[in-house]
């Protein structure tokens, strides 16, 4: 949240969500981005499930990890869809 929303980005809100999850969390699934506006203050709120991809990869192996990514519809910038 910043004055008039100046300087706020969705990326910084997502980074903050992962930092709050704890060290080692680097992947957010089932994420939802909310725009928040109050008097003279605006920003973004991000919710979702934080995952440690390194631990998941070690547990599932490369093929299992790739299958898990596909099954959970993990964000891929080349096929992203923006909804209003």
PDB file of N, CA and C in Angstrom:
ATOM      1  N   UNK A   1       0.847  -1.173   0.000  1.00  0.00           N
ATOM      2  CA  UNK A   1       0.000   0.000   0.000  1.00  0.00           C
ATOM      3  C   UNK A   1       0.895   1.239   0.000  1.00  0.00           C
ATOM      4  N   UNK A   2       0.575   2.159  -0.880  1.00  0.00           N
ATOM      5  CA  UNK A   2       1.358   3.391  -0.979  1.00  0.00           C
ATOM      6  C   UNK A   2       0.395   4.559  -1.182  1.00  0.00           C
ATOM      7  N   UNK A   3       0.876   5.750  -0.934  1.00  0.00           N
ATOM      8  CA  UNK A   3       0.096   6.954  -1.161  1.00  0.00           C
ATOM      9  C   UNK A   3      -0.315   7.025  -2.621  1.00  0.00           C
ATOM     10  N   UNK A   4      -1.599   7.077  -2.877  1.00  0.00           N
ATOM     11  CA  UNK A   4      -2.204   7.118  -4.220  1.00  0.00           C
ATOM     12  C   UNK A   4      -1.813   5.907  -5.080  1.00  0.00           C
ATOM     13  N   UNK A   5      -1.230   4.893  -4.470  1.00  0.00           N
ATOM     14  CA  UNK A   5      -0.827   3.700  -5.217  1.00  0.00           C
ATOM     15  C   UNK A   5       0.439   3.884  -6.021  1.00  0.00           C
ATOM     16  N   UNK A   6       1.106   5.017  -5.835  1.00  0.00           N
ATOM     17  CA  UNK A   6       2.316   5.300  -6.601  1.00  0.00           C
ATOM     18  C   UNK A   6       3.439   4.346  -6.178  1.00  0.00           C
ATOM     19  N   UNK A   7       4.007   3.665  -7.138  1.00  0.00           N
ATOM     20  CA  UNK A   7       5.116   2.765  -6.871  1.00  0.00           C
ATOM     21  C   UNK A   7       4.716   1.345  -6.510  1.00  0.00           C
ATOM     22  N   UNK A   8       3.414   1.069  -6.436  1.00  0.00           N
ATOM     23  CA  UNK A   8       2.996  -0.298  -6.117  1.00  0.00           C
ATOM     24  C   UNK A   8       2.952  -1.137  -7.384  1.00  0.00           C
ATOM     25  N   UNK A   9       3.353  -2.398  -7.254  1.00  0.00           N
ATOM     26  CA  UNK A   9       3.292  -3.322  -8.380  1.00  0.00           C
ATOM     27  C   UNK A   9       2.785  -4.671  -7.902  1.00  0.00           C
ATOM     28  N   UNK A  10       2.218  -5.420  -8.818  1.00  0.00           N
ATOM     29  CA  UNK A  10       1.772  -6.770  -8.492  1.00  0.00           C
ATOM     30  C   UNK A  10       2.977  -7.632  -8.142  1.00  0.00           C
ATOM     31  N   UNK A  11       4.082  -7.442  -8.843  1.00  0.00           N
ATOM     32  CA  UNK A  11       5.290  -8.223  -8.564  1.00  0.00           C
ATOM     33  C   UNK A  11       5.759  -8.019  -7.132  1.00  0.00           C
ATOM     34  N   UNK A  12       5.788  -6.784  -6.662  1.00  0.00           N
ATOM     35  CA  UNK A  12       6.243  -6.548  -5.290  1.00  0.00           C
ATOM     36  C   UNK A  12       5.276  -7.165  -4.284  1.00  0.00           C
ATOM     37  N   UNK A  13       3.983  -7.171  -4.590  1.00  0.00           N
ATOM     38  CA  UNK A  13       3.000  -7.804  -3.705  1.00  0.00           C
ATOM     39  C   UNK A  13       3.211  -9.318  -3.677  1.00  0.00           C
ATOM     40  N   UNK A  14       3.513  -9.921  -4.814  1.00  0.00           N
ATOM     41  CA  UNK A  14       3.780 -11.356  -4.867  1.00  0.00           C
ATOM     42  C   UNK A  14       5.077 -11.693  -4.136  1.00  0.00           C
ATOM     43  N   UNK A  15       6.112 -10.891  -4.335  1.00  0.00           N
ATOM     44  CA  UNK A  15       7.380 -11.097  -3.628  1.00  0.00           C
ATOM     45  C   UNK A  15       7.167 -11.018  -2.120  1.00  0.00           C
ATOM     46  N   UNK A  16       6.363 -10.050  -1.691  1.00  0.00           N
ATOM     47  CA  UNK A  16       6.080  -9.884  -0.270  1.00  0.00           C
ATOM     48  C   UNK A  16       5.341 -11.107   0.285  1.00  0.00           C
ATOM     49  N   UNK A  17       4.393 -11.645  -0.469  1.00  0.00           N
ATOM     50  CA  UNK A  17       3.649 -12.829  -0.034  1.00  0.00           C
ATOM     51  C   UNK A  17       4.594 -14.013   0.164  1.00  0.00           C
ATOM     52  N   UNK A  18       5.532 -14.199  -0.756  1.00  0.00           N
ATOM     53  CA  UNK A  18       6.498 -15.300  -0.620  1.00  0.00           C
ATOM     54  C   UNK A  18       7.463 -15.065   0.539  1.00  0.00           C
ATOM     55  N   UNK A  19       7.877 -13.822   0.752  1.00  0.00           N
ATOM     56  CA  UNK A  19       8.755 -13.516   1.879  1.00  0.00           C
ATOM     57  C   UNK A  19       8.052 -13.795   3.203  1.00  0.00           C
ATOM     58  N   UNK A  20       6.763 -13.465   3.283  1.00  0.00           N
ATOM     59  CA  UNK A  20       6.009 -13.716   4.508  1.00  0.00           C
ATOM     60  C   UNK A  20       5.807 -15.206   4.767  1.00  0.00           C
ATOM     61  N   UNK A  21       5.834 -16.017   3.714  1.00  0.00           N
ATOM     62  CA  UNK A  21       5.677 -17.470   3.865  1.00  0.00           C
ATOM     63  C   UNK A  21       6.894 -18.071   4.555  1.00  0.00           C
ATOM     64  N   UNK A  22       8.057 -17.480   4.355  1.00  0.00           N
ATOM     65  CA  UNK A  22       9.270 -17.962   5.010  1.00  0.00           C
ATOM     66  C   UNK A  22      10.378 -18.233   4.022  1.00  0.00           C
ATOM     67  N   UNK A  23      11.575 -18.503   4.549  1.00  0.00           N
ATOM     68  CA  UNK A  23      12.722 -18.753   3.676  1.00  0.00           C
ATOM     69  C   UNK A  23      12.540 -20.033   2.856  1.00  0.00           C
ATOM     70  N   UNK A  24      12.963 -19.979   1.612  1.00  0.00           N
ATOM     71  CA  UNK A  24      12.899 -21.155   0.746  1.00  0.00           C
ATOM     72  C   UNK A  24      11.645 -21.259  -0.101  1.00  0.00           C
ATOM     73  N   UNK A  25      10.597 -20.520   0.248  1.00  0.00           N
ATOM     74  CA  UNK A  25       9.374 -20.550  -0.564  1.00  0.00           C
ATOM     75  C   UNK A  25       9.590 -19.683  -1.794  1.00  0.00           C
ATOM     76  N   UNK A  26       9.377 -20.272  -2.977  1.00  0.00           N
ATOM     77  CA  UNK A  26       9.657 -19.541  -4.212  1.00  0.00           C
ATOM     78  C   UNK A  26       8.579 -19.708  -5.273  1.00  0.00           C
ATOM     79  N   UNK A  27       7.481 -20.370  -4.921  1.00  0.00           N
ATOM     80  CA  UNK A  27       6.424 -20.641  -5.887  1.00  0.00           C
ATOM     81  C   UNK A  27       5.085 -20.408  -5.205  1.00  0.00           C
ATOM     82  N   UNK A  28       4.189 -19.690  -5.868  1.00  0.00           N
ATOM     83  CA  UNK A  28       2.868 -19.407  -5.322  1.00  0.00           C
ATOM     84  C   UNK A  28       1.829 -20.029  -6.237  1.00  0.00           C
ATOM     85  N   UNK A  29       1.013 -20.945  -5.690  1.00  0.00           N
ATOM     86  CA  UNK A  29      -0.035 -21.563  -6.497  1.00  0.00           C
ATOM     87  C   UNK A  29      -1.400 -21.110  -5.981  1.00  0.00           C
ATOM     88  N   UNK A  30      -2.392 -21.238  -6.819  1.00  0.00           N
ATOM     89  CA  UNK A  30      -3.757 -20.798  -6.509  1.00  0.00           C
ATOM     90  C   UNK A  30      -3.764 -19.335  -6.077  1.00  0.00           C
ATOM     91  N   UNK A  31      -2.898 -18.550  -6.694  1.00  0.00           N
ATOM     92  CA  UNK A  31      -2.769 -17.143  -6.324  1.00  0.00           C
ATOM     93  C   UNK A  31      -3.898 -16.287  -6.853  1.00  0.00           C
ATOM     94  N   UNK A  32      -4.281 -15.324  -6.027  1.00  0.00           N
ATOM     95  CA  UNK A  32      -5.296 -14.335  -6.406  1.00  0.00           C
ATOM     96  C   UNK A  32      -4.740 -12.965  -6.048  1.00  0.00           C
ATOM     97  N   UNK A  33      -4.879 -12.013  -6.965  1.00  0.00           N
ATOM     98  CA  UNK A  33      -4.414 -10.648  -6.742  1.00  0.00           C
ATOM     99  C   UNK A  33      -5.628  -9.748  -6.575  1.00  0.00           C
ATOM    100  N   UNK A  34      -5.646  -9.006  -5.478  1.00  0.00           N
ATOM    101  CA  UNK A  34      -6.726  -8.060  -5.194  1.00  0.00           C
ATOM    102  C   UNK A  34      -6.175  -6.644  -5.258  1.00  0.00           C
ATOM    103  N   UNK A  35      -6.944  -5.760  -5.847  1.00  0.00           N
ATOM    104  CA  UNK A  35      -6.601  -4.339  -5.840  1.00  0.00           C
ATOM    105  C   UNK A  35      -7.298  -3.737  -4.637  1.00  0.00           C
ATOM    106  N   UNK A  36      -6.557  -3.004  -3.796  1.00  0.00           N
ATOM    107  CA  UNK A  36      -7.132  -2.386  -2.618  1.00  0.00           C
ATOM    108  C   UNK A  36      -7.003  -0.882  -2.720  1.00  0.00           C
ATOM    109  N   UNK A  37      -8.107  -0.191  -2.473  1.00  0.00           N
ATOM    110  CA  UNK A  37      -8.123   1.265  -2.509  1.00  0.00           C
ATOM    111  C   UNK A  37      -8.793   1.789  -1.242  1.00  0.00           C
ATOM    112  N   UNK A  38      -8.127   2.741  -0.606  1.00  0.00           N
ATOM    113  CA  UNK A  38      -8.669   3.442   0.539  1.00  0.00           C
ATOM    114  C   UNK A  38      -8.440   4.922   0.294  1.00  0.00           C
ATOM    115  N   UNK A  39      -8.842   5.769   1.220  1.00  0.00           N
ATOM    116  CA  UNK A  39      -8.630   7.199   1.049  1.00  0.00           C
ATOM    117  C   UNK A  39      -7.148   7.493   0.863  1.00  0.00           C
ATOM    118  N   UNK A  40      -6.766   7.934  -0.304  1.00  0.00           N
ATOM    119  CA  UNK A  40      -5.403   8.357  -0.642  1.00  0.00           C
ATOM    120  C   UNK A  40      -4.356   7.241  -0.575  1.00  0.00           C
ATOM    121  N   UNK A  41      -4.759   6.009  -0.355  1.00  0.00           N
ATOM    122  CA  UNK A  41      -3.823   4.888  -0.256  1.00  0.00           C
ATOM    123  C   UNK A  41      -4.347   3.758  -1.137  1.00  0.00           C
ATOM    124  N   UNK A  42      -3.450   3.156  -1.918  1.00  0.00           N
ATOM    125  CA  UNK A  42      -3.858   2.062  -2.803  1.00  0.00           C
ATOM    126  C   UNK A  42      -2.707   1.068  -2.933  1.00  0.00           C
ATOM    127  N   UNK A  43      -3.049  -0.134  -3.343  1.00  0.00           N
ATOM    128  CA  UNK A  43      -2.035  -1.151  -3.536  1.00  0.00           C
ATOM    129  C   UNK A  43      -2.645  -2.475  -3.915  1.00  0.00           C
ATOM    130  N   UNK A  44      -1.887  -3.550  -3.747  1.00  0.00           N
ATOM    131  CA  UNK A  44      -2.331  -4.886  -4.108  1.00  0.00           C
ATOM    132  C   UNK A  44      -2.181  -5.824  -2.915  1.00  0.00           C
ATOM    133  N   UNK A  45      -3.068  -6.803  -2.853  1.00  0.00           N
ATOM    134  CA  UNK A  45      -2.979  -7.880  -1.869  1.00  0.00           C
ATOM    135  C   UNK A  45      -2.944  -9.188  -2.647  1.00  0.00           C
ATOM    136  N   UNK A  46      -2.036 -10.081  -2.281  1.00  0.00           N
ATOM    137  CA  UNK A  46      -1.889 -11.369  -2.956  1.00  0.00           C
ATOM    138  C   UNK A  46      -2.125 -12.481  -1.940  1.00  0.00           C
ATOM    139  N   UNK A  47      -2.962 -13.447  -2.315  1.00  0.00           N
ATOM    140  CA  UNK A  47      -3.165 -14.631  -1.486  1.00  0.00           C
ATOM    141  C   UNK A  47      -2.867 -15.861  -2.333  1.00  0.00           C
ATOM    142  N   UNK A  48      -2.550 -16.948  -1.682  1.00  0.00           N
ATOM    143  CA  UNK A  48      -2.264 -18.190  -2.391  1.00  0.00           C
ATOM    144  C   UNK A  48      -1.543 -19.164  -1.491  1.00  0.00           C
ATOM    145  N   UNK A  49      -1.088 -20.251  -2.068  1.00  0.00           N
ATOM    146  CA  UNK A  49      -0.363 -21.278  -1.332  1.00  0.00           C
ATOM    147  C   UNK A  49       1.104 -21.232  -1.750  1.00  0.00           C
ATOM    148  N   UNK A  50       1.973 -20.998  -0.766  1.00  0.00           N
ATOM    149  CA  UNK A  50       3.409 -20.934  -1.039  1.00  0.00           C
ATOM    150  C   UNK A  50       3.994 -22.344  -1.031  1.00  0.00           C
ATOM    151  N   UNK A  51       4.914 -22.596  -1.966  1.00  0.00           N
ATOM    152  CA  UNK A  51       5.526 -23.912  -2.128  1.00  0.00           C
ATOM    153  C   UNK A  51       7.036 -23.742  -2.246  1.00  0.00           C
ATOM    154  N   UNK A  52       7.774 -24.702  -1.679  1.00  0.00           N
ATOM    155  CA  UNK A  52       9.223 -24.757  -1.873  1.00  0.00           C
ATOM    156  C   UNK A  52       9.483 -25.682  -3.052  1.00  0.00           C
ATOM    157  N   UNK A  53       9.755 -25.124  -4.211  1.00  0.00           N
ATOM    158  CA  UNK A  53       9.909 -25.947  -5.418  1.00  0.00           C
ATOM    159  C   UNK A  53      11.109 -26.880  -5.327  1.00  0.00           C
ATOM    160  N   UNK A  54      12.167 -26.461  -4.668  1.00  0.00           N
ATOM    161  CA  UNK A  54      13.360 -27.312  -4.543  1.00  0.00           C
ATOM    162  C   UNK A  54      13.031 -28.585  -3.757  1.00  0.00           C
ATOM    163  N   UNK A  55      12.284 -28.459  -2.666  1.00  0.00           N
ATOM    164  CA  UNK A  55      11.900 -29.624  -1.865  1.00  0.00           C
ATOM    165  C   UNK A  55      10.933 -30.518  -2.639  1.00  0.00           C
ATOM    166  N   UNK A  56      10.015 -29.902  -3.372  1.00  0.00           N
ATOM    167  CA  UNK A  56       9.060 -30.666  -4.165  1.00  0.00           C
ATOM    168  C   UNK A  56       9.764 -31.431  -5.288  1.00  0.00           C
ATOM    169  N   UNK A  57      10.723 -30.795  -5.939  1.00  0.00           N
ATOM    170  CA  UNK A  57      11.502 -31.441  -6.993  1.00  0.00           C
ATOM    171  C   UNK A  57      12.284 -32.630  -6.429  1.00  0.00           C
ATOM    172  N   UNK A  58      12.888 -32.461  -5.258  1.00  0.00           N
ATOM    173  CA  UNK A  58      13.644 -33.548  -4.632  1.00  0.00           C
ATOM    174  C   UNK A  58      12.733 -34.718  -4.269  1.00  0.00           C
ATOM    175  N   UNK A  59      11.514 -34.403  -3.862  1.00  0.00           N
ATOM    176  CA  UNK A  59      10.564 -35.439  -3.457  1.00  0.00           C
ATOM    177  C   UNK A  59       9.966 -36.183  -4.656  1.00  0.00           C
ATOM    178  N   UNK A  60       9.596 -35.433  -5.701  1.00  0.00           N
ATOM    179  CA  UNK A  60       8.892 -36.021  -6.848  1.00  0.00           C
ATOM    180  C   UNK A  60       9.803 -36.468  -7.979  1.00  0.00           C
ATOM    181  N   UNK A  61      11.010 -35.939  -8.067  1.00  0.00           N
ATOM    182  CA  UNK A  61      11.864 -36.177  -9.217  1.00  0.00           C
ATOM    183  C   UNK A  61      11.466 -35.241 -10.352  1.00  0.00           C
ATOM    184  N   UNK A  62      12.315 -35.147 -11.371  1.00  0.00           N
ATOM    185  CA  UNK A  62      12.077 -34.194 -12.468  1.00  0.00           C
ATOM    186  C   UNK A  62      10.759 -34.448 -13.192  1.00  0.00           C
ATOM    187  N   UNK A  63      10.509 -35.690 -13.588  1.00  0.00           N
ATOM    188  CA  UNK A  63       9.283 -35.997 -14.335  1.00  0.00           C
ATOM    189  C   UNK A  63       8.043 -35.758 -13.474  1.00  0.00           C
ATOM    190  N   UNK A  64       8.077 -36.206 -12.236  1.00  0.00           N
ATOM    191  CA  UNK A  64       6.948 -35.993 -11.328  1.00  0.00           C
ATOM    192  C   UNK A  64       6.707 -34.518 -11.065  1.00  0.00           C
ATOM    193  N   UNK A  65       7.792 -33.752 -10.943  1.00  0.00           N
ATOM    194  CA  UNK A  65       7.678 -32.313 -10.722  1.00  0.00           C
ATOM    195  C   UNK A  65       7.028 -31.626 -11.925  1.00  0.00           C
ATOM    196  N   UNK A  66       7.455 -31.994 -13.132  1.00  0.00           N
ATOM    197  CA  UNK A  66       6.870 -31.400 -14.341  1.00  0.00           C
ATOM    198  C   UNK A  66       5.380 -31.750 -14.443  1.00  0.00           C
ATOM    199  N   UNK A  67       5.029 -32.980 -14.095  1.00  0.00           N
ATOM    200  CA  UNK A  67       3.614 -33.375 -14.088  1.00  0.00           C
ATOM    201  C   UNK A  67       2.830 -32.574 -13.059  1.00  0.00           C
ATOM    202  N   UNK A  68       3.426 -32.375 -11.889  1.00  0.00           N
ATOM    203  CA  UNK A  68       2.771 -31.595 -10.840  1.00  0.00           C
ATOM    204  C   UNK A  68       2.532 -30.164 -11.297  1.00  0.00           C
ATOM    205  N   UNK A  69       3.534 -29.561 -11.949  1.00  0.00           N
ATOM    206  CA  UNK A  69       3.384 -28.205 -12.478  1.00  0.00           C
ATOM    207  C   UNK A  69       2.225 -28.124 -13.464  1.00  0.00           C
ATOM    208  N   UNK A  70       2.134 -29.113 -14.358  1.00  0.00           N
ATOM    209  CA  UNK A  70       1.061 -29.128 -15.353  1.00  0.00           C
ATOM    210  C   UNK A  70      -0.304 -29.321 -14.690  1.00  0.00           C
ATOM    211  N   UNK A  71      -0.389 -30.229 -13.734  1.00  0.00           N
ATOM    212  CA  UNK A  71      -1.662 -30.501 -13.056  1.00  0.00           C
ATOM    213  C   UNK A  71      -2.157 -29.308 -12.243  1.00  0.00           C
ATOM    214  N   UNK A  72      -1.239 -28.522 -11.704  1.00  0.00           N
ATOM    215  CA  UNK A  72      -1.613 -27.391 -10.865  1.00  0.00           C
ATOM    216  C   UNK A  72      -1.672 -26.074 -11.623  1.00  0.00           C
ATOM    217  N   UNK A  73      -1.556 -26.157 -12.944  1.00  0.00           N
ATOM    218  CA  UNK A  73      -1.704 -24.975 -13.788  1.00  0.00           C
ATOM    219  C   UNK A  73      -0.801 -23.831 -13.318  1.00  0.00           C
ATOM    220  N   UNK A  74       0.460 -24.130 -13.097  1.00  0.00           N
ATOM    221  CA  UNK A  74       1.414 -23.127 -12.642  1.00  0.00           C
ATOM    222  C   UNK A  74       1.632 -22.104 -13.750  1.00  0.00           C
ATOM    223  N   UNK A  75       1.701 -20.848 -13.360  1.00  0.00           N
ATOM    224  CA  UNK A  75       1.812 -19.722 -14.287  1.00  0.00           C
ATOM    225  C   UNK A  75       2.943 -19.893 -15.286  1.00  0.00           C
ATOM    226  N   UNK A  76       2.596 -19.695 -16.551  1.00  0.00           N
ATOM    227  CA  UNK A  76       3.576 -19.659 -17.619  1.00  0.00           C
ATOM    228  C   UNK A  76       3.359 -18.361 -18.372  1.00  0.00           C
ATOM    229  N   UNK A  77       4.334 -17.471 -18.356  1.00  0.00           N
ATOM    230  CA  UNK A  77       4.133 -16.156 -18.985  1.00  0.00           C
ATOM    231  C   UNK A  77       3.691 -16.231 -20.441  1.00  0.00           C
ATOM    232  N   UNK A  78       4.132 -17.253 -21.173  1.00  0.00           N
ATOM    233  CA  UNK A  78       3.793 -17.310 -22.588  1.00  0.00           C
ATOM    234  C   UNK A  78       2.321 -17.663 -22.840  1.00  0.00           C
ATOM    235  N   UNK A  79       1.617 -18.161 -21.817  1.00  0.00           N
ATOM    236  CA  UNK A  79       0.193 -18.494 -22.022  1.00  0.00           C
ATOM    237  C   UNK A  79      -0.708 -17.807 -20.991  1.00  0.00           C
ATOM    238  N   UNK A  80      -0.221 -16.764 -20.335  1.00  0.00           N
ATOM    239  CA  UNK A  80      -0.986 -16.071 -19.311  1.00  0.00           C
ATOM    240  C   UNK A  80      -2.238 -15.421 -19.895  1.00  0.00           C
ATOM    241  N   UNK A  81      -3.306 -15.432 -19.117  1.00  0.00           N
ATOM    242  CA  UNK A  81      -4.569 -14.805 -19.512  1.00  0.00           C
ATOM    243  C   UNK A  81      -4.945 -13.778 -18.450  1.00  0.00           C
ATOM    244  N   UNK A  82      -5.261 -12.588 -18.876  1.00  0.00           N
ATOM    245  CA  UNK A  82      -5.665 -11.526 -17.952  1.00  0.00           C
ATOM    246  C   UNK A  82      -7.174 -11.396 -18.016  1.00  0.00           C
ATOM    247  N   UNK A  83      -7.808 -11.424 -16.847  1.00  0.00           N
ATOM    248  CA  UNK A  83      -9.263 -11.278 -16.775  1.00  0.00           C
ATOM    249  C   UNK A  83      -9.589  -9.987 -16.043  1.00  0.00           C
ATOM    250  N   UNK A  84     -10.596  -9.293 -16.527  1.00  0.00           N
ATOM    251  CA  UNK A  84     -11.057  -8.055 -15.837  1.00  0.00           C
ATOM    252  C   UNK A  84     -12.224  -8.364 -14.952  1.00  0.00           C
TER     253      UNK A  84
END
